[in-house]
């Protein structure tokens, strides 16, 4: 399987939200215990403005993951 890592685009909003919600449902990797909506994506973009925000695509499967750098905040 081939993977592509690229900068996030506005069209990725639904996919990034779906990936995050997968981990809400299936692991303890995500802090919220209920699904987030697409406003969560907007918040990620705002918090990490000026820092890399990437998605991973797999052959024929679309976006399967994302990663983001952002400034350190001691309360996070």
N, C-alpha and C. Protein backbone atom coordinates (compact mmCIF):
# COMPACT_ATOMS: atom_id res chain seq x y z
N UNK A 1 0.85 -1.17 0.00
CA UNK A 1 0.00 0.00 0.00
C UNK A 1 0.89 1.23 0.00
N UNK A 2 0.56 2.19 -0.84
CA UNK A 2 1.30 3.44 -0.90
C UNK A 2 0.61 4.50 -0.05
N UNK A 3 1.40 5.35 0.58
CA UNK A 3 0.89 6.41 1.43
C UNK A 3 1.38 7.75 0.92
N UNK A 4 0.57 8.76 1.11
CA UNK A 4 0.93 10.14 0.76
C UNK A 4 0.75 10.99 2.01
N UNK A 5 1.77 11.73 2.37
CA UNK A 5 1.69 12.68 3.48
C UNK A 5 1.69 14.07 2.85
N UNK A 6 0.69 14.86 3.21
CA UNK A 6 0.56 16.19 2.61
C UNK A 6 -0.04 17.17 3.62
N UNK A 7 0.05 18.45 3.29
CA UNK A 7 -0.58 19.48 4.12
C UNK A 7 -2.09 19.29 4.11
N UNK A 8 -2.70 19.56 5.24
CA UNK A 8 -4.16 19.48 5.35
C UNK A 8 -4.79 20.56 4.48
N UNK A 9 -5.97 20.26 3.96
CA UNK A 9 -6.75 21.21 3.17
C UNK A 9 -8.14 21.32 3.78
N UNK A 10 -8.84 22.38 3.48
CA UNK A 10 -10.18 22.59 4.03
C UNK A 10 -11.10 21.42 3.70
N UNK A 11 -10.90 20.79 2.55
CA UNK A 11 -11.72 19.65 2.14
C UNK A 11 -11.51 18.42 3.03
N UNK A 12 -10.47 18.44 3.87
CA UNK A 12 -10.17 17.31 4.76
C UNK A 12 -10.92 17.39 6.09
N UNK A 13 -11.71 18.42 6.28
CA UNK A 13 -12.38 18.66 7.56
C UNK A 13 -13.18 17.44 8.02
N UNK A 14 -14.01 16.89 7.15
CA UNK A 14 -14.84 15.74 7.52
C UNK A 14 -13.99 14.52 7.82
N UNK A 15 -12.96 14.27 7.02
CA UNK A 15 -12.11 13.10 7.21
C UNK A 15 -11.30 13.19 8.50
N UNK A 16 -10.74 14.35 8.80
CA UNK A 16 -9.97 14.53 10.04
C UNK A 16 -10.89 14.32 11.25
N UNK A 17 -12.09 14.87 11.18
CA UNK A 17 -13.05 14.69 12.27
C UNK A 17 -13.40 13.22 12.43
N UNK A 18 -13.60 12.51 11.34
CA UNK A 18 -13.94 11.08 11.39
C UNK A 18 -12.79 10.26 11.99
N UNK A 19 -11.56 10.57 11.62
CA UNK A 19 -10.41 9.85 12.18
C UNK A 19 -10.36 10.08 13.69
N UNK A 20 -10.51 11.32 14.12
CA UNK A 20 -10.48 11.61 15.55
C UNK A 20 -11.60 10.86 16.28
N UNK A 21 -12.80 10.87 15.72
CA UNK A 21 -13.93 10.20 16.36
C UNK A 21 -13.76 8.69 16.41
N UNK A 22 -13.02 8.11 15.46
CA UNK A 22 -12.69 6.69 15.54
C UNK A 22 -11.98 6.39 16.85
N UNK A 23 -11.03 7.24 17.21
CA UNK A 23 -10.28 7.01 18.43
C UNK A 23 -11.08 7.35 19.69
N UNK A 24 -12.04 8.24 19.58
CA UNK A 24 -12.97 8.48 20.69
C UNK A 24 -13.73 7.19 20.98
N UNK A 25 -14.17 6.51 19.93
CA UNK A 25 -14.96 5.28 20.08
C UNK A 25 -14.15 4.05 20.46
N UNK A 26 -12.90 3.99 20.02
CA UNK A 26 -12.17 2.72 20.08
C UNK A 26 -10.90 2.71 20.92
N UNK A 27 -10.59 3.80 21.60
CA UNK A 27 -9.36 3.81 22.40
C UNK A 27 -9.43 4.91 23.45
N UNK A 28 -8.37 5.00 24.21
CA UNK A 28 -8.24 6.09 25.18
C UNK A 28 -7.26 7.15 24.66
N UNK A 29 -6.91 7.09 23.39
CA UNK A 29 -5.95 8.04 22.80
C UNK A 29 -6.54 9.44 22.66
N UNK A 30 -7.86 9.53 22.59
CA UNK A 30 -8.52 10.83 22.46
C UNK A 30 -9.17 11.17 23.80
N UNK A 31 -8.95 12.37 24.27
CA UNK A 31 -9.45 12.76 25.59
C UNK A 31 -10.97 12.86 25.66
N UNK A 32 -11.66 13.45 24.68
CA UNK A 32 -13.12 13.52 24.80
C UNK A 32 -13.75 12.14 24.84
N UNK A 33 -14.85 12.02 25.54
CA UNK A 33 -15.55 10.72 25.61
C UNK A 33 -16.74 10.68 24.67
N UNK A 34 -17.03 11.79 23.99
CA UNK A 34 -18.10 11.83 23.00
C UNK A 34 -17.55 12.41 21.71
N UNK A 35 -18.27 12.12 20.62
CA UNK A 35 -17.82 12.60 19.31
C UNK A 35 -17.69 14.11 19.27
N UNK A 36 -16.73 14.56 18.46
CA UNK A 36 -16.57 15.98 18.18
C UNK A 36 -17.20 16.26 16.82
N UNK A 37 -17.55 17.51 16.59
CA UNK A 37 -18.07 17.87 15.27
C UNK A 37 -16.98 18.62 14.50
N UNK A 38 -17.34 19.10 13.33
CA UNK A 38 -16.33 19.72 12.47
C UNK A 38 -15.79 21.03 13.03
N UNK A 39 -16.43 21.60 14.03
CA UNK A 39 -15.87 22.80 14.66
C UNK A 39 -14.56 22.44 15.38
N UNK A 40 -14.41 21.18 15.77
CA UNK A 40 -13.16 20.71 16.38
C UNK A 40 -11.99 20.89 15.40
N UNK A 41 -12.23 20.57 14.14
CA UNK A 41 -11.22 20.76 13.10
C UNK A 41 -10.82 22.23 13.02
N UNK A 42 -11.80 23.11 13.05
CA UNK A 42 -11.51 24.54 12.99
C UNK A 42 -10.66 24.97 14.18
N UNK A 43 -10.95 24.40 15.34
CA UNK A 43 -10.17 24.71 16.54
C UNK A 43 -8.73 24.23 16.39
N UNK A 44 -8.55 23.02 15.84
CA UNK A 44 -7.19 22.52 15.60
C UNK A 44 -6.43 23.46 14.68
N UNK A 45 -7.08 23.90 13.62
CA UNK A 45 -6.42 24.81 12.68
C UNK A 45 -6.03 26.11 13.35
N UNK A 46 -6.90 26.63 14.20
CA UNK A 46 -6.61 27.90 14.87
C UNK A 46 -5.48 27.76 15.89
N UNK A 47 -5.52 26.70 16.68
CA UNK A 47 -4.49 26.48 17.72
C UNK A 47 -3.11 26.30 17.09
N UNK A 48 -3.06 25.60 15.97
CA UNK A 48 -1.78 25.29 15.34
C UNK A 48 -1.41 26.21 14.20
N UNK A 49 -2.06 27.36 14.10
CA UNK A 49 -1.77 28.27 12.99
C UNK A 49 -0.27 28.56 12.92
N UNK A 50 0.27 28.40 11.73
CA UNK A 50 1.69 28.65 11.53
C UNK A 50 2.58 27.45 11.77
N UNK A 51 1.98 26.34 12.22
CA UNK A 51 2.72 25.10 12.46
C UNK A 51 2.22 24.03 11.50
N UNK A 52 3.01 22.98 11.23
CA UNK A 52 2.58 21.93 10.31
C UNK A 52 1.31 21.21 10.79
N UNK A 53 0.41 20.96 9.86
CA UNK A 53 -0.80 20.16 10.07
C UNK A 53 -0.90 19.29 8.83
N UNK A 54 -0.71 18.00 9.01
CA UNK A 54 -0.58 17.06 7.90
C UNK A 54 -1.64 15.98 7.95
N UNK A 55 -1.97 15.42 6.78
CA UNK A 55 -2.81 14.24 6.71
C UNK A 55 -2.06 13.14 5.97
N UNK A 56 -2.48 11.90 6.22
CA UNK A 56 -1.93 10.73 5.53
C UNK A 56 -3.05 10.12 4.72
N UNK A 57 -2.79 9.89 3.45
CA UNK A 57 -3.75 9.21 2.58
C UNK A 57 -3.19 7.85 2.20
N UNK A 58 -4.07 6.87 2.06
CA UNK A 58 -3.70 5.53 1.60
C UNK A 58 -4.42 5.26 0.28
N UNK A 59 -3.81 4.41 -0.53
CA UNK A 59 -4.40 4.06 -1.83
C UNK A 59 -5.88 3.77 -1.72
N UNK A 60 -6.69 4.57 -2.37
CA UNK A 60 -8.11 4.30 -2.47
C UNK A 60 -8.89 4.40 -1.18
N UNK A 61 -8.26 4.75 -0.08
CA UNK A 61 -8.96 4.83 1.21
C UNK A 61 -9.10 6.25 1.70
N UNK A 62 -8.53 7.20 1.02
CA UNK A 62 -8.61 8.59 1.45
C UNK A 62 -7.76 8.84 2.68
N UNK A 63 -8.15 9.82 3.47
CA UNK A 63 -7.39 10.21 4.66
C UNK A 63 -7.57 9.15 5.74
N UNK A 64 -6.44 8.64 6.24
CA UNK A 64 -6.49 7.62 7.30
C UNK A 64 -5.83 8.09 8.59
N UNK A 65 -5.26 9.29 8.58
CA UNK A 65 -4.62 9.80 9.79
C UNK A 65 -4.22 11.24 9.61
N UNK A 66 -3.87 11.87 10.73
CA UNK A 66 -3.40 13.25 10.68
C UNK A 66 -2.41 13.48 11.81
N UNK A 67 -1.63 14.54 11.67
CA UNK A 67 -0.66 14.93 12.70
C UNK A 67 -0.57 16.45 12.70
N UNK A 68 -0.29 16.99 13.87
CA UNK A 68 -0.21 18.44 13.99
C UNK A 68 0.83 18.81 15.03
N UNK A 69 1.58 19.85 14.73
CA UNK A 69 2.44 20.49 15.71
C UNK A 69 1.75 21.77 16.15
N UNK A 70 1.97 22.15 17.37
CA UNK A 70 1.42 23.41 17.88
C UNK A 70 2.27 23.87 19.04
N UNK A 71 2.11 25.12 19.44
CA UNK A 71 2.91 25.62 20.57
C UNK A 71 2.58 24.87 21.85
N UNK A 72 3.59 24.73 22.69
CA UNK A 72 3.39 24.09 23.99
C UNK A 72 2.57 25.00 24.90
N UNK A 73 1.64 24.39 25.60
CA UNK A 73 0.88 25.11 26.62
C UNK A 73 0.83 24.22 27.83
N UNK A 74 1.29 24.67 28.99
CA UNK A 74 1.40 23.81 30.16
C UNK A 74 0.07 23.23 30.65
N UNK A 75 -1.05 23.82 30.25
CA UNK A 75 -2.36 23.30 30.69
C UNK A 75 -2.91 22.25 29.74
N UNK A 76 -2.27 22.01 28.59
CA UNK A 76 -2.77 21.00 27.63
C UNK A 76 -2.55 19.61 28.15
